[in-house]
Protein backbone atom coordinates (compact mmCIF):
# COMPACT_ATOMS: atom_id res chain seq x y z
CA MET A 1 91.42 57.04 96.74
CA PRO A 2 91.73 53.57 97.85
CA GLN A 3 95.30 54.15 98.98
CA VAL A 4 94.16 56.90 101.22
CA ILE A 5 91.39 54.80 102.74
CA LEU A 6 93.89 52.07 103.36
CA GLY A 7 96.28 54.34 105.19
CA GLN A 8 98.88 54.67 102.37
CA PRO A 9 99.31 58.11 100.88
CA PRO A 10 99.15 58.23 97.10
CA ASN A 11 102.79 59.49 96.84
CA GLY A 12 104.05 55.96 98.13
CA LYS A 13 105.54 57.26 101.33
CA PRO A 14 104.66 55.23 104.39
CA ALA A 15 101.95 56.74 106.62
CA GLY A 16 103.63 57.49 109.87
CA ARG A 17 102.09 58.98 113.00
CA PHE A 18 103.74 62.45 112.80
CA ALA A 19 106.09 63.87 110.20
CA LEU A 20 108.77 66.14 111.24
CA PRO A 21 108.07 69.81 110.61
CA ALA A 22 111.57 70.46 109.30
CA ARG A 23 111.00 67.64 106.78
CA LEU A 24 107.81 69.05 105.64
CA ILE A 25 109.38 72.55 105.15
CA LEU A 26 112.26 70.98 103.24
CA GLU A 27 109.73 68.98 101.04
CA LYS A 28 108.13 72.33 100.07
CA ALA A 29 111.30 74.35 99.54
CA PRO A 30 111.35 73.75 95.72
CA MET A 31 107.82 75.09 95.36
CA PHE A 32 108.65 78.18 97.30
CA ALA A 33 111.80 78.71 95.33
CA MET A 34 109.99 78.42 92.12
CA ALA A 35 107.34 80.91 93.29
CA ALA A 36 109.93 83.29 94.33
CA ALA A 37 111.85 83.18 91.05
CA VAL A 38 108.64 83.70 89.13
CA SER A 39 107.84 86.68 91.25
CA VAL A 40 111.29 88.30 90.60
CA VAL A 41 110.81 87.65 86.89
CA ILE A 42 107.44 89.20 86.74
CA CYS A 43 108.71 92.26 88.73
CA ILE A 44 111.54 92.74 86.22
CA VAL A 45 109.39 92.39 83.12
CA GLN A 46 106.75 94.68 84.53
CA GLY A 47 109.53 97.26 85.45
CA LYS A 48 110.65 97.34 81.83
CA SER A 49 107.10 97.59 80.47
CA SER A 50 105.33 101.02 80.22
CA ALA A 51 102.01 99.46 80.59
CA SER A 52 101.63 100.28 84.27
CA PRO A 53 102.25 103.78 85.73
CA TYR A 54 103.01 102.43 89.19
CA THR A 55 106.58 101.95 90.46
CA PHE A 56 107.77 98.97 92.31
CA SER A 57 108.01 100.89 95.54
CA TRP A 58 104.43 102.15 95.07
CA ARG A 59 103.23 98.57 94.78
CA ILE A 60 105.13 97.42 97.84
CA GLY A 61 103.61 100.16 99.87
CA ASN A 62 100.12 99.41 98.47
CA ALA A 63 100.53 95.77 99.41
CA MET A 64 101.53 96.71 102.99
CA ILE A 65 98.60 99.09 103.38
CA ALA A 66 96.29 96.23 102.06
CA TYR A 67 97.68 93.81 104.65
CA VAL A 68 97.38 96.27 107.50
CA THR A 69 93.67 96.99 106.46
CA TYR A 70 92.92 93.26 106.20
CA LEU A 71 94.28 92.70 109.63
CA GLU A 72 92.44 95.67 111.03
CA HIS A 73 89.12 94.38 109.67
CA PHE A 74 90.01 90.85 110.91
CA PHE A 75 90.55 92.02 114.54
CA TYR A 76 88.11 94.89 114.49
CA PRO A 77 85.29 94.32 112.00
CA VAL A 78 83.42 97.65 112.08
CA GLY A 79 81.76 99.26 109.08
CA LEU A 80 81.24 95.96 107.22
CA ALA A 81 77.83 95.05 105.88
CA ILE A 82 76.37 91.90 104.37
CA LEU A 83 73.89 93.99 102.42
CA TYR A 84 75.21 97.16 100.94
CA PRO A 85 72.83 100.03 100.53
CA ARG A 86 71.56 100.66 96.88
CA CYS A 87 73.46 103.20 94.86
CA ARG A 88 71.71 106.34 93.63
CA PRO A 89 70.80 106.35 89.99
CA THR A 90 73.38 109.06 89.32
CA CYS A 91 76.32 106.98 90.46
CA ARG A 92 75.61 104.34 87.71
CA SER A 93 75.58 106.94 84.96
CA GLY A 94 78.95 108.46 85.84
CA GLY A 95 77.76 110.94 88.45
CA SER A 96 76.50 113.71 86.04
């Protein structure tokens, strides 16, 4: 913490006015590469497992729908509520 207060970042690099965006992106490239590699390994392992009935293409489609729905609610927030109405007693017991 004292290094940050004195103007020297804890990683030992000199504190300049502005860092170049290309340098910042290049600095984070190993992290993105590791994240991509882990994602590929997880997709391969899940594809070989019979634990999930969903295919890879179904998961990609579901992710795209989720992103579009998120953006829709971000730009046009209709139908959202802070307090949700109480559930009927039958919905807690399985509906029968």
